[in-house]
Amino acid sequence: MAFNDLIRGLRDTEQQLLKQLKGVRTAIASLQFGSAVSPAMPDRPVVRKLRRLSAKARAAISRAQKLRWAKQRAEKK
């Protein structure tokens, strides 16, 4: 009987540790992904692909911003 009690106690301890580990993983996920974390979040972090603009797109954005600045400076005069 003592052996069975020992096994049962170890299994109970294992279940408690698994619950604690789940809580730690949830806390880590909430810190990594923000406050909107669902239980379905993966255990490993999601690697997001960086979006890169082409040189042509960067030049167009730069040109447009410079025009906005020029317009703003002209309105101040």
PDB file of N, CA and C in Angstrom:
ATOM      1  N   MET A   1       0.806  -1.198   0.000  1.00  0.00           N
ATOM      2  CA  MET A   1       0.000   0.000   0.000  1.00  0.00           C
ATOM      3  C   MET A   1       0.852   1.265   0.000  1.00  0.00           C
ATOM      4  N   ALA A   2       1.934   1.286   0.713  1.00  0.00           N
ATOM      5  CA  ALA A   2       2.777   2.464   0.826  1.00  0.00           C
ATOM      6  C   ALA A   2       3.355   2.826  -0.541  1.00  0.00           C
ATOM      7  N   PHE A   3       3.681   1.800  -1.320  1.00  0.00           N
ATOM      8  CA  PHE A   3       4.222   2.048  -2.654  1.00  0.00           C
ATOM      9  C   PHE A   3       3.183   2.717  -3.545  1.00  0.00           C
ATOM     10  N   ASN A   4       1.941   2.238  -3.494  1.00  0.00           N
ATOM     11  CA  ASN A   4       0.860   2.836  -4.282  1.00  0.00           C
ATOM     12  C   ASN A   4       0.590   4.280  -3.849  1.00  0.00           C
ATOM     13  N   ASP A   5       0.670   4.537  -2.549  1.00  0.00           N
ATOM     14  CA  ASP A   5       0.488   5.896  -2.046  1.00  0.00           C
ATOM     15  C   ASP A   5       1.597   6.811  -2.555  1.00  0.00           C
ATOM     16  N   LEU A   6       2.820   6.278  -2.595  1.00  0.00           N
ATOM     17  CA  LEU A   6       3.953   7.044  -3.106  1.00  0.00           C
ATOM     18  C   LEU A   6       3.742   7.403  -4.578  1.00  0.00           C
ATOM     19  N   ILE A   7       3.316   6.435  -5.382  1.00  0.00           N
ATOM     20  CA  ILE A   7       3.055   6.671  -6.812  1.00  0.00           C
ATOM     21  C   ILE A   7       1.949   7.706  -6.977  1.00  0.00           C
ATOM     22  N   ARG A   8       0.873   7.560  -6.207  1.00  0.00           N
ATOM     23  CA  ARG A   8      -0.242   8.511  -6.289  1.00  0.00           C
ATOM     24  C   ARG A   8       0.223   9.916  -5.908  1.00  0.00           C
ATOM     25  N   GLY A   9       1.031  10.033  -4.877  1.00  0.00           N
ATOM     26  CA  GLY A   9       1.554  11.329  -4.458  1.00  0.00           C
ATOM     27  C   GLY A   9       2.436  11.956  -5.529  1.00  0.00           C
ATOM     28  N   LEU A  10       3.263  11.136  -6.169  1.00  0.00           N
ATOM     29  CA  LEU A  10       4.110  11.640  -7.246  1.00  0.00           C
ATOM     30  C   LEU A  10       3.285  12.110  -8.438  1.00  0.00           C
ATOM     31  N   ARG A  11       2.232  11.384  -8.756  1.00  0.00           N
ATOM     32  CA  ARG A  11       1.363  11.802  -9.880  1.00  0.00           C
ATOM     33  C   ARG A  11       0.638  13.101  -9.552  1.00  0.00           C
ATOM     34  N   ASP A  12       0.196  13.233  -8.299  1.00  0.00           N
ATOM     35  CA  ASP A  12      -0.451  14.489  -7.894  1.00  0.00           C
ATOM     36  C   ASP A  12       0.528  15.657  -8.006  1.00  0.00           C
ATOM     37  N   THR A  13       1.746  15.439  -7.553  1.00  0.00           N
ATOM     38  CA  THR A  13       2.782  16.473  -7.646  1.00  0.00           C
ATOM     39  C   THR A  13       3.058  16.821  -9.101  1.00  0.00           C
ATOM     40  N   GLU A  14       3.092  15.794  -9.950  1.00  0.00           N
ATOM     41  CA  GLU A  14       3.320  16.029 -11.381  1.00  0.00           C
ATOM     42  C   GLU A  14       2.215  16.912 -11.962  1.00  0.00           C
ATOM     43  N   GLN A  15       0.964  16.654 -11.609  1.00  0.00           N
ATOM     44  CA  GLN A  15      -0.152  17.448 -12.112  1.00  0.00           C
ATOM     45  C   GLN A  15      -0.063  18.901 -11.624  1.00  0.00           C
ATOM     46  N   GLN A  16       0.336  19.085 -10.371  1.00  0.00           N
ATOM     47  CA  GLN A  16       0.495  20.440  -9.840  1.00  0.00           C
ATOM     48  C   GLN A  16       1.599  21.183 -10.587  1.00  0.00           C
ATOM     49  N   LEU A  17       2.700  20.497 -10.847  1.00  0.00           N
ATOM     50  CA  LEU A  17       3.804  21.126 -11.572  1.00  0.00           C
ATOM     51  C   LEU A  17       3.407  21.475 -12.999  1.00  0.00           C
ATOM     52  N   LEU A  18       2.622  20.612 -13.640  1.00  0.00           N
ATOM     53  CA  LEU A  18       2.159  20.896 -14.997  1.00  0.00           C
ATOM     54  C   LEU A  18       1.259  22.132 -15.020  1.00  0.00           C
ATOM     55  N   LYS A  19       0.411  22.285 -14.006  1.00  0.00           N
ATOM     56  CA  LYS A  19      -0.439  23.470 -13.918  1.00  0.00           C
ATOM     57  C   LYS A  19       0.413  24.727 -13.738  1.00  0.00           C
ATOM     58  N   GLN A  20       1.433  24.637 -12.889  1.00  0.00           N
ATOM     59  CA  GLN A  20       2.312  25.782 -12.673  1.00  0.00           C
ATOM     60  C   GLN A  20       3.071  26.126 -13.953  1.00  0.00           C
ATOM     61  N   LEU A  21       3.536  25.115 -14.663  1.00  0.00           N
ATOM     62  CA  LEU A  21       4.263  25.345 -15.910  1.00  0.00           C
ATOM     63  C   LEU A  21       3.362  26.016 -16.939  1.00  0.00           C
ATOM     64  N   LYS A  22       2.116  25.587 -17.006  1.00  0.00           N
ATOM     65  CA  LYS A  22       1.170  26.212 -17.923  1.00  0.00           C
ATOM     66  C   LYS A  22       0.976  27.685 -17.572  1.00  0.00           C
ATOM     67  N   GLY A  23       0.892  28.001 -16.276  1.00  0.00           N
ATOM     68  CA  GLY A  23       0.755  29.377 -15.843  1.00  0.00           C
ATOM     69  C   GLY A  23       1.974  30.214 -16.210  1.00  0.00           C
ATOM     70  N   VAL A  24       3.156  29.645 -16.057  1.00  0.00           N
ATOM     71  CA  VAL A  24       4.386  30.356 -16.410  1.00  0.00           C
ATOM     72  C   VAL A  24       4.428  30.612 -17.906  1.00  0.00           C
ATOM     73  N   ARG A  25       4.068  29.608 -18.702  1.00  0.00           N
ATOM     74  CA  ARG A  25       4.061  29.775 -20.157  1.00  0.00           C
ATOM     75  C   ARG A  25       3.058  30.835 -20.588  1.00  0.00           C
ATOM     76  N   THR A  26       1.905  30.870 -19.932  1.00  0.00           N
ATOM     77  CA  THR A  26       0.898  31.879 -20.248  1.00  0.00           C
ATOM     78  C   THR A  26       1.422  33.279 -19.914  1.00  0.00           C
ATOM     79  N   ALA A  27       2.107  33.402 -18.785  1.00  0.00           N
ATOM     80  CA  ALA A  27       2.662  34.700 -18.393  1.00  0.00           C
ATOM     81  C   ALA A  27       3.721  35.154 -19.392  1.00  0.00           C
ATOM     82  N   ILE A  28       4.566  34.237 -19.809  1.00  0.00           N
ATOM     83  CA  ILE A  28       5.595  34.575 -20.793  1.00  0.00           C
ATOM     84  C   ILE A  28       4.955  35.011 -22.101  1.00  0.00           C
ATOM     85  N   ALA A  29       3.946  34.269 -22.542  1.00  0.00           N
ATOM     86  CA  ALA A  29       3.269  34.600 -23.796  1.00  0.00           C
ATOM     87  C   ALA A  29       2.599  35.968 -23.710  1.00  0.00           C
ATOM     88  N   SER A  30       2.004  36.279 -22.560  1.00  0.00           N
ATOM     89  CA  SER A  30       1.341  37.578 -22.443  1.00  0.00           C
ATOM     90  C   SER A  30       2.349  38.716 -22.480  1.00  0.00           C
ATOM     91  N   LEU A  31       3.539  38.484 -21.963  1.00  0.00           N
ATOM     92  CA  LEU A  31       4.577  39.510 -22.011  1.00  0.00           C
ATOM     93  C   LEU A  31       5.138  39.657 -23.424  1.00  0.00           C
ATOM     94  N   GLN A  32       5.213  38.551 -24.150  1.00  0.00           N
ATOM     95  CA  GLN A  32       5.761  38.602 -25.501  1.00  0.00           C
ATOM     96  C   GLN A  32       4.771  39.169 -26.506  1.00  0.00           C
ATOM     97  N   PHE A  33       3.513  38.798 -26.384  1.00  0.00           N
ATOM     98  CA  PHE A  33       2.526  39.131 -27.404  1.00  0.00           C
ATOM     99  C   PHE A  33       1.556  40.222 -26.991  1.00  0.00           C
ATOM    100  N   GLY A  34       1.689  40.787 -25.834  1.00  0.00           N
ATOM    101  CA  GLY A  34       0.757  41.806 -25.379  1.00  0.00           C
ATOM    102  C   GLY A  34      -0.343  41.195 -24.535  1.00  0.00           C
ATOM    103  N   SER A  35      -1.337  41.994 -24.209  1.00  0.00           N
ATOM    104  CA  SER A  35      -2.366  41.537 -23.278  1.00  0.00           C
ATOM    105  C   SER A  35      -3.432  40.675 -23.933  1.00  0.00           C
ATOM    106  N   ALA A  36      -3.545  40.707 -25.243  1.00  0.00           N
ATOM    107  CA  ALA A  36      -4.594  39.941 -25.930  1.00  0.00           C
ATOM    108  C   ALA A  36      -4.074  38.566 -26.298  1.00  0.00           C
ATOM    109  N   VAL A  37      -3.843  37.741 -25.291  1.00  0.00           N
ATOM    110  CA  VAL A  37      -3.301  36.406 -25.526  1.00  0.00           C
ATOM    111  C   VAL A  37      -4.414  35.394 -25.328  1.00  0.00           C
ATOM    112  N   SER A  38      -4.587  34.545 -26.305  1.00  0.00           N
ATOM    113  CA  SER A  38      -5.587  33.500 -26.171  1.00  0.00           C
ATOM    114  C   SER A  38      -4.894  32.215 -25.750  1.00  0.00           C
ATOM    115  N   PRO A  39      -5.618  31.285 -25.172  1.00  0.00           N
ATOM    116  CA  PRO A  39      -5.006  30.022 -24.780  1.00  0.00           C
ATOM    117  C   PRO A  39      -4.473  29.233 -25.980  1.00  0.00           C
ATOM    118  N   ALA A  40      -4.886  29.612 -27.170  1.00  0.00           N
ATOM    119  CA  ALA A  40      -4.447  28.887 -28.361  1.00  0.00           C
ATOM    120  C   ALA A  40      -3.109  29.378 -28.893  1.00  0.00           C
ATOM    121  N   MET A  41      -2.465  30.312 -28.186  1.00  0.00           N
ATOM    122  CA  MET A  41      -1.175  30.827 -28.636  1.00  0.00           C
ATOM    123  C   MET A  41      -0.155  29.693 -28.619  1.00  0.00           C
ATOM    124  N   PRO A  42       0.725  29.644 -29.572  1.00  0.00           N
ATOM    125  CA  PRO A  42       1.714  28.569 -29.610  1.00  0.00           C
ATOM    126  C   PRO A  42       2.737  28.711 -28.483  1.00  0.00           C
ATOM    127  N   ASP A  43       3.367  27.594 -28.118  1.00  0.00           N
ATOM    128  CA  ASP A  43       4.381  27.617 -27.068  1.00  0.00           C
ATOM    129  C   ASP A  43       5.643  28.311 -27.543  1.00  0.00           C
ATOM    130  N   ARG A  44       5.911  28.248 -28.838  1.00  0.00           N
ATOM    131  CA  ARG A  44       7.107  28.904 -29.362  1.00  0.00           C
ATOM    132  C   ARG A  44       6.720  30.248 -29.969  1.00  0.00           C
ATOM    133  N   PRO A  45       7.626  31.207 -29.934  1.00  0.00           N
ATOM    134  CA  PRO A  45       7.295  32.531 -30.464  1.00  0.00           C
ATOM    135  C   PRO A  45       7.070  32.516 -31.972  1.00  0.00           C
ATOM    136  N   VAL A  46       6.185  33.380 -32.410  1.00  0.00           N
ATOM    137  CA  VAL A  46       5.889  33.491 -33.829  1.00  0.00           C
ATOM    138  C   VAL A  46       6.886  34.470 -34.439  1.00  0.00           C
ATOM    139  N   VAL A  47       7.573  34.037 -35.480  1.00  0.00           N
ATOM    140  CA  VAL A  47       8.540  34.904 -36.147  1.00  0.00           C
ATOM    141  C   VAL A  47       7.815  35.611 -37.276  1.00  0.00           C
ATOM    142  N   ARG A  48       7.787  36.923 -37.204  1.00  0.00           N
ATOM    143  CA  ARG A  48       7.091  37.703 -38.218  1.00  0.00           C
ATOM    144  C   ARG A  48       8.074  38.128 -39.298  1.00  0.00           C
ATOM    145  N   LYS A  49       7.636  37.997 -40.533  1.00  0.00           N
ATOM    146  CA  LYS A  49       8.475  38.386 -41.652  1.00  0.00           C
ATOM    147  C   LYS A  49       8.439  39.905 -41.796  1.00  0.00           C
ATOM    148  N   LEU A  50       9.623  40.499 -41.930  1.00  0.00           N
ATOM    149  CA  LEU A  50       9.693  41.953 -42.086  1.00  0.00           C
ATOM    150  C   LEU A  50       9.262  42.341 -43.489  1.00  0.00           C
ATOM    151  N   ARG A  51       8.490  43.394 -43.569  1.00  0.00           N
ATOM    152  CA  ARG A  51       8.073  43.895 -44.873  1.00  0.00           C
ATOM    153  C   ARG A  51       9.099  44.919 -45.330  1.00  0.00           C
ATOM    154  N   ARG A  52       9.563  44.782 -46.542  1.00  0.00           N
ATOM    155  CA  ARG A  52      10.574  45.694 -47.063  1.00  0.00           C
ATOM    156  C   ARG A  52      10.019  46.460 -48.244  1.00  0.00           C
ATOM    157  N   LEU A  53      10.300  47.747 -48.249  1.00  0.00           N
ATOM    158  CA  LEU A  53       9.871  48.585 -49.363  1.00  0.00           C
ATOM    159  C   LEU A  53      10.941  48.571 -50.438  1.00  0.00           C
ATOM    160  N   SER A  54      10.497  48.653 -51.648  1.00  0.00           N
ATOM    161  CA  SER A  54      11.449  48.760 -52.746  1.00  0.00           C
ATOM    162  C   SER A  54      12.056  50.165 -52.738  1.00  0.00           C
ATOM    163  N   ALA A  55      13.163  50.320 -53.452  1.00  0.00           N
ATOM    164  CA  ALA A  55      13.804  51.635 -53.539  1.00  0.00           C
ATOM    165  C   ALA A  55      12.861  52.640 -54.192  1.00  0.00           C
ATOM    166  N   LYS A  56      12.099  52.185 -55.163  1.00  0.00           N
ATOM    167  CA  LYS A  56      11.154  53.062 -55.857  1.00  0.00           C
ATOM    168  C   LYS A  56      10.073  53.549 -54.882  1.00  0.00           C
ATOM    169  N   ALA A  57       9.569  52.654 -54.050  1.00  0.00           N
ATOM    170  CA  ALA A  57       8.531  53.023 -53.088  1.00  0.00           C
ATOM    171  C   ALA A  57       9.080  53.992 -52.039  1.00  0.00           C
ATOM    172  N   ARG A  58      10.305  53.719 -51.542  1.00  0.00           N
ATOM    173  CA  ARG A  58      10.916  54.641 -50.573  1.00  0.00           C
ATOM    174  C   ARG A  58      11.111  56.026 -51.175  1.00  0.00           C
ATOM    175  N   ALA A  59      11.538  56.081 -52.432  1.00  0.00           N
ATOM    176  CA  ALA A  59      11.746  57.370 -53.099  1.00  0.00           C
ATOM    177  C   ALA A  59      10.424  58.118 -53.244  1.00  0.00           C
ATOM    178  N   ALA A  60       9.353  57.406 -53.577  1.00  0.00           N
ATOM    179  CA  ALA A  60       8.043  58.040 -53.739  1.00  0.00           C
ATOM    180  C   ALA A  60       7.550  58.602 -52.404  1.00  0.00           C
ATOM    181  N   ILE A  61       7.743  57.838 -51.312  1.00  0.00           N
ATOM    182  CA  ILE A  61       7.326  58.305 -49.990  1.00  0.00           C
ATOM    183  C   ILE A  61       8.143  59.522 -49.590  1.00  0.00           C
ATOM    184  N   SER A  62       9.448  59.482 -49.848  1.00  0.00           N
ATOM    185  CA  SER A  62      10.327  60.612 -49.528  1.00  0.00           C
ATOM    186  C   SER A  62       9.911  61.860 -50.292  1.00  0.00           C
ATOM    187  N   ARG A  63       9.637  61.690 -51.574  1.00  0.00           N
ATOM    188  CA  ARG A  63       9.233  62.822 -52.420  1.00  0.00           C
ATOM    189  C   ARG A  63       7.926  63.425 -51.913  1.00  0.00           C
ATOM    190  N   ALA A  64       6.971  62.579 -51.572  1.00  0.00           N
ATOM    191  CA  ALA A  64       5.673  63.062 -51.086  1.00  0.00           C
ATOM    192  C   ALA A  64       5.826  63.805 -49.762  1.00  0.00           C
ATOM    193  N   GLN A  65       6.670  63.273 -48.872  1.00  0.00           N
ATOM    194  CA  GLN A  65       6.859  63.940 -47.585  1.00  0.00           C
ATOM    195  C   GLN A  65       7.541  65.288 -47.762  1.00  0.00           C
ATOM    196  N   LYS A  66       8.521  65.365 -48.644  1.00  0.00           N
ATOM    197  CA  LYS A  66       9.202  66.631 -48.888  1.00  0.00           C
ATOM    198  C   LYS A  66       8.236  67.667 -49.459  1.00  0.00           C
ATOM    199  N   LEU A  67       7.307  67.231 -50.311  1.00  0.00           N
ATOM    200  CA  LEU A  67       6.289  68.154 -50.825  1.00  0.00           C
ATOM    201  C   LEU A  67       5.382  68.653 -49.711  1.00  0.00           C
ATOM    202  N   ARG A  68       5.007  67.767 -48.773  1.00  0.00           N
ATOM    203  CA  ARG A  68       4.164  68.179 -47.647  1.00  0.00           C
ATOM    204  C   ARG A  68       4.897  69.209 -46.782  1.00  0.00           C
ATOM    205  N   TRP A  69       6.194  68.959 -46.531  1.00  0.00           N
ATOM    206  CA  TRP A  69       6.965  69.897 -45.734  1.00  0.00           C
ATOM    207  C   TRP A  69       7.076  71.254 -46.439  1.00  0.00           C
ATOM    208  N   ALA A  70       7.313  71.214 -47.746  1.00  0.00           N
ATOM    209  CA  ALA A  70       7.432  72.466 -48.500  1.00  0.00           C
ATOM    210  C   ALA A  70       6.116  73.239 -48.442  1.00  0.00           C
ATOM    211  N   LYS A  71       5.008  72.553 -48.554  1.00  0.00           N
ATOM    212  CA  LYS A  71       3.698  73.197 -48.495  1.00  0.00           C
ATOM    213  C   LYS A  71       3.482  73.807 -47.117  1.00  0.00           C
ATOM    214  N   GLN A  72       3.873  73.073 -46.074  1.00  0.00           N
ATOM    215  CA  GLN A  72       3.713  73.579 -44.728  1.00  0.00           C
ATOM    216  C   GLN A  72       4.581  74.818 -44.491  1.00  0.00           C
ATOM    217  N   ARG A  73       5.824  74.811 -44.981  1.00  0.00           N
ATOM    218  CA  ARG A  73       6.686  75.982 -44.846  1.00  0.00           C
ATOM    219  C   ARG A  73       6.140  77.176 -45.611  1.00  0.00           C
ATOM    220  N   ALA A  74       5.555  76.924 -46.789  1.00  0.00           N
ATOM    221  CA  ALA A  74       5.000  78.003 -47.607  1.00  0.00           C
ATOM    222  C   ALA A  74       3.800  78.643 -46.898  1.00  0.00           C
ATOM    223  N   GLU A  75       3.021  77.852 -46.202  1.00  0.00           N
ATOM    224  CA  GLU A  75       1.840  78.375 -45.499  1.00  0.00           C
ATOM    225  C   GLU A  75       2.231  79.239 -44.291  1.00  0.00           C
ATOM    226  N   LYS A  76       3.397  78.987 -43.718  1.00  0.00           N
ATOM    227  CA  LYS A  76       3.858  79.776 -42.557  1.00  0.00           C
ATOM    228  C   LYS A  76       4.272  81.176 -42.962  1.00  0.00           C
ATOM    229  N   LYS A  77       4.718  81.359 -44.210  1.00  0.00           N
ATOM    230  CA  LYS A  77       5.204  82.664 -44.658  1.00  0.00           C
ATOM    231  C   LYS A  77       4.107  83.629 -44.939  1.00  0.00           C
TER     232      LYS A  77
END
